[in-house]
Protein backbone atom coordinates (compact mmCIF):
# COMPACT_ATOMS: atom_id res chain seq x y z
CA MET A 1 53.36 -31.69 20.84
CA PRO A 2 50.17 -33.51 19.67
CA HIS A 3 48.22 -31.05 16.54
CA VAL A 4 45.40 -29.28 18.46
CA ILE A 5 42.54 -31.14 16.12
CA ASP A 6 44.21 -34.45 17.47
CA MET A 7 43.51 -32.81 20.84
CA VAL A 8 40.17 -32.03 20.52
CA ASP A 9 39.16 -35.54 19.17
CA LYS A 10 40.56 -37.04 21.87
CA ILE A 11 38.19 -35.01 23.93
CA LEU A 12 35.11 -35.53 22.45
CA ALA A 13 35.97 -39.78 22.26
CA ASP A 14 36.47 -39.33 26.06
CA LEU A 15 33.47 -37.33 26.26
CA LYS A 16 31.34 -39.80 23.80
CA LYS A 17 31.91 -42.36 26.11
CA VAL A 18 29.65 -41.28 28.67
CA GLY A 19 26.60 -43.34 29.12
CA GLY A 20 23.69 -41.49 27.78
CA VAL A 21 26.26 -38.90 25.08
CA GLU A 22 24.74 -39.25 21.59
CA ALA A 23 26.56 -36.69 20.05
CA CYS A 24 29.18 -33.74 20.77
CA ALA A 25 31.34 -31.20 19.32
CA ALA A 26 33.60 -28.25 19.83
CA ALA A 27 32.73 -25.58 18.40
CA THR A 28 34.02 -20.99 18.78
CA ARG A 29 32.59 -18.76 20.34
CA ASP A 30 30.72 -17.44 16.95
CA GLY A 31 29.42 -21.08 15.73
CA LEU A 32 32.13 -22.42 13.81
CA LEU A 33 32.41 -26.02 14.14
CA ILE A 34 35.34 -27.40 15.21
CA ARG A 35 35.11 -30.87 15.21
CA ALA A 36 32.23 -32.97 16.20
CA LEU A 37 31.22 -36.83 16.90
CA MET A 38 27.54 -37.62 15.88
CA GLN A 39 25.70 -39.88 13.45
CA GLN A 40 24.33 -37.40 11.53
CA GLU A 41 27.30 -35.54 10.32
CA GLN A 42 25.61 -33.04 7.95
CA PHE A 43 24.11 -31.59 11.41
CA ALA A 44 27.02 -30.82 12.86
CA GLU A 45 27.58 -27.26 11.94
CA SER A 46 23.66 -26.34 12.49
CA PHE A 47 24.11 -28.29 15.33
CA ALA A 48 27.07 -25.69 16.38
CA ALA A 49 25.78 -22.42 15.16
CA MET A 50 22.63 -22.95 17.41
CA SER A 51 24.54 -24.31 20.31
CA ALA A 52 26.67 -21.00 20.21
CA THR A 53 23.73 -18.96 19.46
CA MET A 54 21.59 -20.20 22.56
CA LEU A 55 24.61 -19.77 24.82
CA GLY A 56 25.33 -16.46 23.61
CA ALA A 57 22.18 -15.25 24.47
CA ALA A 58 22.04 -16.31 27.86
CA GLU A 59 25.27 -14.98 28.84
CA THR A 60 23.82 -11.77 27.50
CA ALA A 61 20.19 -12.51 29.31
CA THR A 62 21.68 -13.14 32.53
CA SER A 63 24.70 -10.28 32.19
CA GLU A 64 21.74 -7.80 31.74
CA LEU A 65 20.33 -9.01 34.92
CA GLY A 66 23.17 -8.86 37.06
CA LYS A 67 23.23 -12.39 37.36
CA GLY A 68 26.23 -13.14 35.92
CA ILE A 69 27.88 -15.28 33.00
CA PRO A 70 26.05 -18.99 32.97
CA ASN A 71 27.71 -22.23 33.33
CA ARG A 72 25.67 -23.62 31.00
CA VAL A 73 22.79 -23.74 29.15
CA ILE A 74 20.43 -26.79 28.97
CA VAL A 75 17.63 -27.49 26.67
CA GLU A 76 15.30 -30.47 27.54
CA SER A 77 12.73 -32.31 24.98
CA ASP A 78 10.85 -35.30 25.44
CA HIS A 79 13.40 -36.82 23.09
CA GLY A 80 16.62 -35.19 24.82
CA ARG A 81 18.88 -32.71 25.98
CA LEU A 82 20.84 -30.36 24.45
CA ILE A 83 23.58 -28.91 26.92
CA ALA A 84 26.04 -26.59 26.23
CA VAL A 85 28.93 -25.41 27.94
CA GLY A 86 31.52 -21.91 27.70
CA ALA A 87 35.24 -23.34 27.24
CA GLY A 88 36.71 -20.52 27.86
CA PRO A 89 36.51 -17.01 25.90
CA LYS A 90 36.85 -18.81 22.30
CA ALA A 91 35.55 -21.96 22.48
CA LEU A 92 32.20 -23.60 23.04
CA LEU A 93 31.26 -28.23 23.96
CA MET A 94 27.99 -29.37 23.40
CA VAL A 95 26.92 -32.70 23.92
CA LEU A 96 23.11 -33.93 23.13
CA VAL A 97 22.24 -37.11 25.71
CA ASN A 98 19.36 -39.42 25.60
CA SER A 99 16.31 -38.20 27.69
CA ASP A 100 16.32 -40.92 30.47
CA THR A 101 20.29 -40.62 31.73
CA GLY A 102 21.02 -38.45 34.77
CA LEU A 103 22.63 -35.55 34.34
CA GLY A 104 25.36 -35.57 37.15
CA LEU A 105 27.93 -37.40 35.68
CA ILE A 106 27.66 -36.10 32.40
CA LEU A 107 27.60 -32.40 33.87
CA LEU A 108 31.08 -33.38 35.97
CA GLU A 109 32.60 -34.89 32.82
CA LEU A 110 31.49 -31.88 30.45
CA ASP A 111 32.87 -29.36 32.93
CA LYS A 112 36.48 -31.72 32.73
CA SER A 113 36.48 -31.64 29.23
CA ALA A 114 35.19 -27.77 29.16
CA ALA A 115 38.51 -26.95 31.03
CA LYS A 116 40.58 -29.19 28.58
CA LEU A 117 39.31 -27.59 25.70
CA LYS A 118 40.40 -24.16 27.03
CA GLU A 119 43.64 -25.24 27.84
CA ILE A 120 44.20 -26.10 24.16
CA MET A 121 42.52 -22.97 22.77
CA THR A 122 44.39 -20.65 24.70
C-alpha cells in the first residue's frame, strides 16, 4: 500500500494540473502543513495555518448562526483567490488561483480532491 505522504503528493499534483491553480496545499485542521506544491515554499506553513484559521472561523460563524458547516471559504483579491475546503474532520485542502480563472472546474476538482484526502486521513 502506498505511503500516506505519497498519496497526498499525488492529490496535490493532480490538483496543480487544473488550469489556473498556482499553488495548493494540504494541512491538518489545526493548521499544521502536511504537504504543499507552491513556488514560494517558505510561505507554505503560514499558508496552511492562516487557511485553517479562516475555515475554522467560518465554520464557527455559520454554525452559531444556524446555517450549518460551510462547504468552502473563498477569499478574493485583485491578484487572485484563495480557496480552502474541509477534507473530513482531520484535514483541509487549499488552493491559490489566478484572478482571471473561472471557478467551476476548480471547485469541482477541489471537492473531488478533498474527498480523496478525507479517505486517506481517516
